[in-house]
């Protein structure tokens, strides 16, 4: 009896292993299909890619730095006293 119950348990274990393998295959297939559908939807929605966002972020940082530099230059120019020739208005 022990030998036949061992065979039955071995068969059940083999079936369970096969079922687990099949389930993993189905899972991978579903993931592939879902990933494809999501990518298609994102393309249709015209969503920006990570690379595009990184380029945009770099442009914003560069623009902010340029604005800060120009603001400092403007403040320095406004802080300088006016030259005498700039004060004199030409006669009409």
PDB file of N, CA and C in Angstrom:
ATOM      1  N   UNK A   1       0.818  -1.206   0.000  1.00  0.00           N
ATOM      2  CA  UNK A   1       0.000   0.000   0.000  1.00  0.00           C
ATOM      3  C   UNK A   1       0.856   1.262   0.000  1.00  0.00           C
ATOM      4  N   UNK A   2       1.973   1.246   0.714  1.00  0.00           N
ATOM      5  CA  UNK A   2       2.818   2.434   0.753  1.00  0.00           C
ATOM      6  C   UNK A   2       3.406   2.749  -0.610  1.00  0.00           C
ATOM      7  N   UNK A   3       3.722   1.715  -1.372  1.00  0.00           N
ATOM      8  CA  UNK A   3       4.287   1.963  -2.688  1.00  0.00           C
ATOM      9  C   UNK A   3       3.262   2.596  -3.615  1.00  0.00           C
ATOM     10  N   UNK A   4       2.039   2.159  -3.575  1.00  0.00           N
ATOM     11  CA  UNK A   4       1.007   2.732  -4.432  1.00  0.00           C
ATOM     12  C   UNK A   4       0.638   4.138  -3.961  1.00  0.00           C
ATOM     13  N   UNK A   5       0.647   4.391  -2.656  1.00  0.00           N
ATOM     14  CA  UNK A   5       0.348   5.753  -2.184  1.00  0.00           C
ATOM     15  C   UNK A   5       1.493   6.694  -2.534  1.00  0.00           C
ATOM     16  N   UNK A   6       2.731   6.185  -2.534  1.00  0.00           N
ATOM     17  CA  UNK A   6       3.860   7.015  -2.956  1.00  0.00           C
ATOM     18  C   UNK A   6       3.733   7.378  -4.429  1.00  0.00           C
ATOM     19  N   UNK A   7       3.308   6.405  -5.248  1.00  0.00           N
ATOM     20  CA  UNK A   7       3.118   6.694  -6.675  1.00  0.00           C
ATOM     21  C   UNK A   7       2.029   7.737  -6.866  1.00  0.00           C
ATOM     22  N   UNK A   8       0.978   7.609  -6.129  1.00  0.00           N
ATOM     23  CA  UNK A   8      -0.123   8.579  -6.236  1.00  0.00           C
ATOM     24  C   UNK A   8       0.364   9.960  -5.818  1.00  0.00           C
ATOM     25  N   UNK A   9       1.104  10.030  -4.713  1.00  0.00           N
ATOM     26  CA  UNK A   9       1.641  11.322  -4.260  1.00  0.00           C
ATOM     27  C   UNK A   9       2.637  11.888  -5.272  1.00  0.00           C
ATOM     28  N   UNK A  10       3.470  11.018  -5.858  1.00  0.00           N
ATOM     29  CA  UNK A  10       4.417  11.471  -6.887  1.00  0.00           C
ATOM     30  C   UNK A  10       3.676  12.037  -8.096  1.00  0.00           C
ATOM     31  N   UNK A  11       2.608  11.369  -8.494  1.00  0.00           N
ATOM     32  CA  UNK A  11       1.818  11.839  -9.637  1.00  0.00           C
ATOM     33  C   UNK A  11       1.148  13.179  -9.313  1.00  0.00           C
ATOM     34  N   UNK A  12       0.623  13.294  -8.107  1.00  0.00           N
ATOM     35  CA  UNK A  12      -0.013  14.562  -7.703  1.00  0.00           C
ATOM     36  C   UNK A  12       1.024  15.686  -7.683  1.00  0.00           C
ATOM     37  N   UNK A  13       2.221  15.394  -7.157  1.00  0.00           N
ATOM     38  CA  UNK A  13       3.296  16.396  -7.113  1.00  0.00           C
ATOM     39  C   UNK A  13       3.699  16.798  -8.529  1.00  0.00           C
ATOM     40  N   UNK A  14       3.804  15.817  -9.428  1.00  0.00           N
ATOM     41  CA  UNK A  14       4.172  16.121 -10.815  1.00  0.00           C
ATOM     42  C   UNK A  14       3.104  16.980 -11.490  1.00  0.00           C
ATOM     43  N   UNK A  15       1.841  16.630 -11.258  1.00  0.00           N
ATOM     44  CA  UNK A  15       0.746  17.423 -11.825  1.00  0.00           C
ATOM     45  C   UNK A  15       0.751  18.850 -11.272  1.00  0.00           C
ATOM     46  N   UNK A  16       1.007  18.976  -9.985  1.00  0.00           N
ATOM     47  CA  UNK A  16       1.049  20.309  -9.375  1.00  0.00           C
ATOM     48  C   UNK A  16       2.196  21.117  -9.959  1.00  0.00           C
ATOM     49  N   UNK A  17       3.339  20.473 -10.156  1.00  0.00           N
ATOM     50  CA  UNK A  17       4.497  21.161 -10.748  1.00  0.00           C
ATOM     51  C   UNK A  17       4.185  21.592 -12.183  1.00  0.00           C
ATOM     52  N   UNK A  18       3.578  20.706 -12.945  1.00  0.00           N
ATOM     53  CA  UNK A  18       3.201  21.048 -14.321  1.00  0.00           C
ATOM     54  C   UNK A  18       2.194  22.199 -14.345  1.00  0.00           C
ATOM     55  N   UNK A  19       1.251  22.164 -13.425  1.00  0.00           N
ATOM     56  CA  UNK A  19       0.238  23.224 -13.373  1.00  0.00           C
ATOM     57  C   UNK A  19       0.879  24.558 -13.012  1.00  0.00           C
ATOM     58  N   UNK A  20       1.831  24.524 -12.077  1.00  0.00           N
ATOM     59  CA  UNK A  20       2.516  25.767 -11.694  1.00  0.00           C
ATOM     60  C   UNK A  20       3.305  26.328 -12.876  1.00  0.00           C
ATOM     61  N   UNK A  21       3.966  25.450 -13.628  1.00  0.00           N
ATOM     62  CA  UNK A  21       4.709  25.896 -14.808  1.00  0.00           C
ATOM     63  C   UNK A  21       3.790  26.501 -15.852  1.00  0.00           C
ATOM     64  N   UNK A  22       2.646  25.852 -16.056  1.00  0.00           N
ATOM     65  CA  UNK A  22       1.677  26.376 -17.028  1.00  0.00           C
ATOM     66  C   UNK A  22       1.131  27.719 -16.573  1.00  0.00           C
ATOM     67  N   UNK A  23       0.890  27.853 -15.268  1.00  0.00           N
ATOM     68  CA  UNK A  23       0.377  29.123 -14.741  1.00  0.00           C
ATOM     69  C   UNK A  23       1.393  30.242 -14.937  1.00  0.00           C
ATOM     70  N   UNK A  24       2.679  29.933 -14.765  1.00  0.00           N
ATOM     71  CA  UNK A  24       3.713  30.951 -14.988  1.00  0.00           C
ATOM     72  C   UNK A  24       3.756  31.362 -16.453  1.00  0.00           C
ATOM     73  N   UNK A  25       3.589  30.402 -17.338  1.00  0.00           N
ATOM     74  CA  UNK A  25       3.567  30.724 -18.766  1.00  0.00           C
ATOM     75  C   UNK A  25       2.388  31.619 -19.112  1.00  0.00           C
ATOM     76  N   UNK A  26       1.229  31.308 -18.564  1.00  0.00           N
ATOM     77  CA  UNK A  26       0.037  32.131 -18.804  1.00  0.00           C
ATOM     78  C   UNK A  26       0.257  33.531 -18.238  1.00  0.00           C
ATOM     79  N   UNK A  27       0.851  33.612 -17.043  1.00  0.00           N
ATOM     80  CA  UNK A  27       1.117  34.905 -16.415  1.00  0.00           C
ATOM     81  C   UNK A  27       2.026  35.765 -17.303  1.00  0.00           C
ATOM     82  N   UNK A  28       3.093  35.158 -17.817  1.00  0.00           N
ATOM     83  CA  UNK A  28       4.001  35.901 -18.702  1.00  0.00           C
ATOM     84  C   UNK A  28       3.280  36.374 -19.956  1.00  0.00           C
ATOM     85  N   UNK A  29       2.434  35.523 -20.511  1.00  0.00           N
ATOM     86  CA  UNK A  29       1.689  35.886 -21.722  1.00  0.00           C
ATOM     87  C   UNK A  29       0.732  37.044 -21.435  1.00  0.00           C
ATOM     88  N   UNK A  30       0.036  36.988 -20.307  1.00  0.00           N
ATOM     89  CA  UNK A  30      -0.888  38.068 -19.932  1.00  0.00           C
ATOM     90  C   UNK A  30      -0.119  39.363 -19.721  1.00  0.00           C
ATOM     91  N   UNK A  31       1.028  39.287 -19.046  1.00  0.00           N
ATOM     92  CA  UNK A  31       1.843  40.491 -18.837  1.00  0.00           C
ATOM     93  C   UNK A  31       2.267  41.101 -20.165  1.00  0.00           C
ATOM     94  N   UNK A  32       2.660  40.276 -21.103  1.00  0.00           N
ATOM     95  CA  UNK A  32       3.078  40.765 -22.418  1.00  0.00           C
ATOM     96  C   UNK A  32       1.927  41.464 -23.130  1.00  0.00           C
ATOM     97  N   UNK A  33       0.756  40.862 -23.099  1.00  0.00           N
ATOM     98  CA  UNK A  33      -0.409  41.454 -23.766  1.00  0.00           C
ATOM     99  C   UNK A  33      -0.793  42.772 -23.096  1.00  0.00           C
ATOM    100  N   UNK A  34      -0.822  42.775 -21.765  1.00  0.00           N
ATOM    101  CA  UNK A  34      -1.198  43.994 -21.037  1.00  0.00           C
ATOM    102  C   UNK A  34      -0.175  45.096 -21.296  1.00  0.00           C
ATOM    103  N   UNK A  35       1.102  44.755 -21.263  1.00  0.00           N
ATOM    104  CA  UNK A  35       2.148  45.751 -21.522  1.00  0.00           C
ATOM    105  C   UNK A  35       1.987  46.346 -22.927  1.00  0.00           C
ATOM    106  N   UNK A  36       1.713  45.503 -23.889  1.00  0.00           N
ATOM    107  CA  UNK A  36       1.499  45.981 -25.256  1.00  0.00           C
ATOM    108  C   UNK A  36       0.300  46.918 -25.351  1.00  0.00           C
ATOM    109  N   UNK A  37      -0.779  46.583 -24.683  1.00  0.00           N
ATOM    110  CA  UNK A  37      -1.975  47.428 -24.710  1.00  0.00           C
ATOM    111  C   UNK A  37      -1.703  48.778 -24.037  1.00  0.00           C
ATOM    112  N   UNK A  38      -1.002  48.753 -22.916  1.00  0.00           N
ATOM    113  CA  UNK A  38      -0.691  50.009 -22.219  1.00  0.00           C
ATOM    114  C   UNK A  38       0.204  50.888 -23.077  1.00  0.00           C
ATOM    115  N   UNK A  39       1.217  50.297 -23.702  1.00  0.00           N
ATOM    116  CA  UNK A  39       2.097  51.074 -24.578  1.00  0.00           C
ATOM    117  C   UNK A  39       1.309  51.676 -25.738  1.00  0.00           C
ATOM    118  N   UNK A  40       0.387  50.917 -26.309  1.00  0.00           N
ATOM    119  CA  UNK A  40      -0.431  51.426 -27.411  1.00  0.00           C
ATOM    120  C   UNK A  40      -1.289  52.599 -26.936  1.00  0.00           C
ATOM    121  N   UNK A  41      -1.908  52.459 -25.772  1.00  0.00           N
ATOM    122  CA  UNK A  41      -2.733  53.540 -25.230  1.00  0.00           C
ATOM    123  C   UNK A  41      -1.910  54.796 -24.961  1.00  0.00           C
ATOM    124  N   UNK A  42      -0.721  54.620 -24.401  1.00  0.00           N
ATOM    125  CA  UNK A  42       0.131  55.779 -24.118  1.00  0.00           C
ATOM    126  C   UNK A  42       0.551  56.481 -25.409  1.00  0.00           C
ATOM    127  N   UNK A  43       0.822  55.704 -26.462  1.00  0.00           N
ATOM    128  CA  UNK A  43       1.173  56.323 -27.750  1.00  0.00           C
ATOM    129  C   UNK A  43      -0.001  57.111 -28.305  1.00  0.00           C
ATOM    130  N   UNK A  44      -1.193  56.541 -28.204  1.00  0.00           N
ATOM    131  CA  UNK A  44      -2.389  57.222 -28.709  1.00  0.00           C
ATOM    132  C   UNK A  44      -2.671  58.495 -27.913  1.00  0.00           C
ATOM    133  N   UNK A  45      -2.360  58.484 -26.625  1.00  0.00           N
ATOM    134  CA  UNK A  45      -2.613  59.648 -25.774  1.00  0.00           C
ATOM    135  C   UNK A  45      -1.524  60.701 -25.927  1.00  0.00           C
ATOM    136  N   UNK A  46      -0.469  60.390 -26.675  1.00  0.00           N
ATOM    137  CA  UNK A  46       0.640  61.310 -26.921  1.00  0.00           C
ATOM    138  C   UNK A  46       1.287  61.746 -25.596  1.00  0.00           C
ATOM    139  N   UNK A  47       1.560  60.776 -24.736  1.00  0.00           N
ATOM    140  CA  UNK A  47       2.208  61.035 -23.456  1.00  0.00           C
ATOM    141  C   UNK A  47       3.710  61.133 -23.691  1.00  0.00           C
ATOM    142  N   UNK A  48       4.354  62.075 -23.014  1.00  0.00           N
ATOM    143  CA  UNK A  48       5.790  62.273 -23.173  1.00  0.00           C
ATOM    144  C   UNK A  48       6.560  61.100 -22.582  1.00  0.00           C
ATOM    145  N   UNK A  49       7.688  60.792 -23.219  1.00  0.00           N
ATOM    146  CA  UNK A  49       8.545  59.731 -22.709  1.00  0.00           C
ATOM    147  C   UNK A  49       9.452  60.280 -21.615  1.00  0.00           C
ATOM    148  N   UNK A  50      10.094  59.390 -20.900  1.00  0.00           N
ATOM    149  CA  UNK A  50      11.023  59.790 -19.841  1.00  0.00           C
ATOM    150  C   UNK A  50      12.153  60.647 -20.417  1.00  0.00           C
ATOM    151  N   UNK A  51      12.652  60.248 -21.579  1.00  0.00           N
ATOM    152  CA  UNK A  51      13.740  61.000 -22.199  1.00  0.00           C
ATOM    153  C   UNK A  51      13.295  62.423 -22.540  1.00  0.00           C
ATOM    154  N   UNK A  52      12.084  62.551 -23.070  1.00  0.00           N
ATOM    155  CA  UNK A  52      11.567  63.881 -23.400  1.00  0.00           C
ATOM    156  C   UNK A  52      11.416  64.735 -22.145  1.00  0.00           C
ATOM    157  N   UNK A  53      10.964  64.136 -21.060  1.00  0.00           N
ATOM    158  CA  UNK A  53      10.820  64.886 -19.813  1.00  0.00           C
ATOM    159  C   UNK A  53      12.172  65.313 -19.255  1.00  0.00           C
ATOM    160  N   UNK A  54      13.186  64.458 -19.395  1.00  0.00           N
ATOM    161  CA  UNK A  54      14.521  64.816 -18.917  1.00  0.00           C
ATOM    162  C   UNK A  54      15.092  65.974 -19.723  1.00  0.00           C
ATOM    163  N   UNK A  55      14.882  65.957 -21.034  1.00  0.00           N
ATOM    164  CA  UNK A  55      15.348  67.065 -21.878  1.00  0.00           C
ATOM    165  C   UNK A  55      14.631  68.352 -21.486  1.00  0.00           C
ATOM    166  N   UNK A  56      13.334  68.273 -21.276  1.00  0.00           N
ATOM    167  CA  UNK A  56      12.561  69.443 -20.874  1.00  0.00           C
ATOM    168  C   UNK A  56      13.034  69.973 -19.523  1.00  0.00           C
ATOM    169  N   UNK A  57      13.301  69.072 -18.586  1.00  0.00           N
ATOM    170  CA  UNK A  57      13.785  69.475 -17.261  1.00  0.00           C
ATOM    171  C   UNK A  57      15.123  70.208 -17.394  1.00  0.00           C
ATOM    172  N   UNK A  58      16.024  69.681 -18.231  1.00  0.00           N
ATOM    173  CA  UNK A  58      17.312  70.340 -18.443  1.00  0.00           C
ATOM    174  C   UNK A  58      17.133  71.727 -19.037  1.00  0.00           C
ATOM    175  N   UNK A  59      16.176  71.853 -19.964  1.00  0.00           N
ATOM    176  CA  UNK A  59      15.917  73.167 -20.566  1.00  0.00           C
ATOM    177  C   UNK A  59      15.379  74.143 -19.525  1.00  0.00           C
ATOM    178  N   UNK A  60      14.501  73.685 -18.651  1.00  0.00           N
ATOM    179  CA  UNK A  60      13.932  74.553 -17.615  1.00  0.00           C
ATOM    180  C   UNK A  60      15.017  74.999 -16.648  1.00  0.00           C
ATOM    181  N   UNK A  61      15.892  74.082 -16.259  1.00  0.00           N
ATOM    182  CA  UNK A  61      16.987  74.432 -15.344  1.00  0.00           C
ATOM    183  C   UNK A  61      17.903  75.468 -15.995  1.00  0.00           C
ATOM    184  N   UNK A  62      18.250  75.271 -17.260  1.00  0.00           N
ATOM    185  CA  UNK A  62      19.119  76.216 -17.956  1.00  0.00           C
ATOM    186  C   UNK A  62      18.440  77.584 -18.071  1.00  0.00           C
ATOM    187  N   UNK A  63      17.155  77.599 -18.359  1.00  0.00           N
ATOM    188  CA  UNK A  63      16.420  78.861 -18.471  1.00  0.00           C
ATOM    189  C   UNK A  63      16.365  79.575 -17.133  1.00  0.00           C
ATOM    190  N   UNK A  64      16.132  78.831 -16.067  1.00  0.00           N
ATOM    191  CA  UNK A  64      16.090  79.432 -14.729  1.00  0.00           C
ATOM    192  C   UNK A  64      17.450  80.037 -14.369  1.00  0.00           C
ATOM    193  N   UNK A  65      18.527  79.328 -14.679  1.00  0.00           N
ATOM    194  CA  UNK A  65      19.867  79.849 -14.399  1.00  0.00           C
ATOM    195  C   UNK A  65      20.136  81.121 -15.205  1.00  0.00           C
ATOM    196  N   UNK A  66      19.721  81.122 -16.458  1.00  0.00           N
ATOM    197  CA  UNK A  66      19.900  82.313 -17.307  1.00  0.00           C
ATOM    198  C   UNK A  66      19.088  83.488 -16.756  1.00  0.00           C
ATOM    199  N   UNK A  67      17.857  83.242 -16.322  1.00  0.00           N
ATOM    200  CA  UNK A  67      17.035  84.307 -15.741  1.00  0.00           C
ATOM    201  C   UNK A  67      17.675  84.871 -14.477  1.00  0.00           C
ATOM    202  N   UNK A  68      18.221  83.998 -13.635  1.00  0.00           N
ATOM    203  CA  UNK A  68      18.876  84.465 -12.417  1.00  0.00           C
ATOM    204  C   UNK A  68      20.106  85.300 -12.747  1.00  0.00           C
ATOM    205  N   UNK A  69      20.874  84.872 -13.752  1.00  0.00           N
ATOM    206  CA  UNK A  69      22.055  85.625 -14.177  1.00  0.00           C
ATOM    207  C   UNK A  69      21.655  87.000 -14.722  1.00  0.00           C
ATOM    208  N   UNK A  70      20.621  87.029 -15.541  1.00  0.00           N
ATOM    209  CA  UNK A  70      20.170  88.298 -16.104  1.00  0.00           C
ATOM    210  C   UNK A  70      19.575  89.205 -15.021  1.00  0.00           C
ATOM    211  N   UNK A  71      18.887  88.638 -14.058  1.00  0.00           N
ATOM    212  CA  UNK A  71      18.339  89.432 -12.966  1.00  0.00           C
ATOM    213  C   UNK A  71      19.459  90.063 -12.141  1.00  0.00           C
ATOM    214  N   UNK A  72      20.501  89.309 -11.871  1.00  0.00           N
ATOM    215  CA  UNK A  72      21.647  89.852 -11.123  1.00  0.00           C
ATOM    216  C   UNK A  72      22.310  90.976 -11.921  1.00  0.00           C
ATOM    217  N   UNK A  73      22.435  90.792 -13.221  1.00  0.00           N
ATOM    218  CA  UNK A  73      23.049  91.828 -14.072  1.00  0.00           C
ATOM    219  C   UNK A  73      22.179  93.084 -14.082  1.00  0.00           C
ATOM    220  N   UNK A  74      20.864  92.916 -14.186  1.00  0.00           N
ATOM    221  CA  UNK A  74      19.950  94.055 -14.183  1.00  0.00           C
ATOM    222  C   UNK A  74      20.021  94.790 -12.848  1.00  0.00           C
ATOM    223  N   UNK A  75      20.034  94.044 -11.754  1.00  0.00           N
ATOM    224  CA  UNK A  75      20.134  94.672 -10.437  1.00  0.00           C
ATOM    225  C   UNK A  75      21.429  95.454 -10.294  1.00  0.00           C
ATOM    226  N   UNK A  76      22.524  94.926 -10.821  1.00  0.00           N
ATOM    227  CA  UNK A  76      23.806  95.632 -10.753  1.00  0.00           C
ATOM    228  C   UNK A  76      23.755  96.906 -11.590  1.00  0.00           C
ATOM    229  N   UNK A  77      23.136  96.840 -12.750  1.00  0.00           N
ATOM    230  CA  UNK A  77      23.031  98.035 -13.602  1.00  0.00           C
ATOM    231  C   UNK A  77      22.140  99.091 -12.958  1.00  0.00           C
ATOM    232  N   UNK A  78      21.058  98.674 -12.336  1.00  0.00           N
ATOM    233  CA  UNK A  78      20.160  99.626 -11.686  1.00  0.00           C
ATOM    234  C   UNK A  78      20.787 100.240 -10.439  1.00  0.00           C
ATOM    235  N   UNK A  79      21.693  99.535  -9.810  1.00  0.00           N
ATOM    236  CA  UNK A  79      22.333 100.036  -8.597  1.00  0.00           C
ATOM    237  C   UNK A  79      23.436 101.039  -8.908  1.00  0.00           C
ATOM    238  N   UNK A  80      23.953 101.046 -10.107  1.00  0.00           N
ATOM    239  CA  UNK A  80      25.021 102.002 -10.468  1.00  0.00           C
ATOM    240  C   UNK A  80      24.430 103.396 -10.551  1.00  0.00           C
ATOM    241  N   UNK A  81      25.229 104.393 -10.084  1.00  0.00           N
ATOM    242  CA  UNK A  81      24.740 105.767 -10.218  1.00  0.00           C
ATOM    243  C   UNK A  81      24.713 106.174 -11.691  1.00  0.00           C
ATOM    244  N   UNK A  82      23.771 107.010 -12.004  1.00  0.00           N
ATOM    245  CA  UNK A  82      23.631 107.464 -13.397  1.00  0.00           C
ATOM    246  C   UNK A  82      24.786 108.381 -13.757  1.00  0.00           C
ATOM    247  N   UNK A  83      25.289 108.262 -14.945  1.00  0.00           N
ATOM    248  CA  UNK A  83      26.390 109.125 -15.401  1.00  0.00           C
ATOM    249  C   UNK A  83      25.820 110.512 -15.738  1.00  0.00           C
ATOM    250  N   UNK A  84      26.657 111.551 -15.639  1.00  0.00           N
ATOM    251  CA  UNK A  84      26.188 112.911 -15.927  1.00  0.00           C
ATOM    252  C   UNK A  84      25.629 113.057 -17.346  1.00  0.00           C
ATOM    253  N   UNK A  85      26.218 112.389 -18.295  1.00  0.00           N
ATOM    254  CA  UNK A  85      25.715 112.526 -19.670  1.00  0.00           C
ATOM    255  C   UNK A  85      24.334 111.900 -19.807  1.00  0.00           C
ATOM    256  N   UNK A  86      24.020 110.917 -18.992  1.00  0.00           N
ATOM    257  CA  UNK A  86      22.711 110.286 -19.055  1.00  0.00           C
ATOM    258  C   UNK A  86      21.660 111.179 -18.431  1.00  0.00           C
ATOM    259  N   UNK A  87      22.069 112.058 -17.457  1.00  0.00           N
ATOM    260  CA  UNK A  87      21.116 112.935 -16.795  1.00  0.00           C
ATOM    261  C   UNK A  87      20.711 114.105 -17.686  1.00  0.00           C
ATOM    262  N   UNK A  88      21.648 114.588 -18.486  1.00  0.00           N
ATOM    263  CA  UNK A  88      21.357 115.751 -19.325  1.00  0.00           C
ATOM    264  C   UNK A  88      20.437 115.335 -20.459  1.00  0.00           C
ATOM    265  N   UNK A  89      19.371 116.109 -20.608  1.00  0.00           N
ATOM    266  CA  UNK A  89      18.442 115.839 -21.679  1.00  0.00           C
ATOM    267  C   UNK A  89      18.804 116.741 -22.851  1.00  0.00           C
ATOM    268  N   UNK A  90      18.779 116.211 -24.041  1.00  0.00           N
ATOM    269  CA  UNK A  90      19.091 117.052 -25.202  1.00  0.00           C
ATOM    270  C   UNK A  90      18.000 118.105 -25.403  1.00  0.00           C
ATOM    271  N   UNK A  91      18.416 119.262 -25.828  1.00  0.00           N
ATOM    272  CA  UNK A  91      17.488 120.368 -26.083  1.00  0.00           C
ATOM    273  C   UNK A  91      16.712 120.094 -27.339  1.00  0.00           C
ATOM    274  N   UNK A  92      15.409 120.398 -27.307  1.00  0.00           N
ATOM    275  CA  UNK A  92      14.612 120.173 -28.517  1.00  0.00           C
ATOM    276  C   UNK A  92      14.826 121.201 -29.583  1.00  0.00           C
TER     277      UNK A  92
END
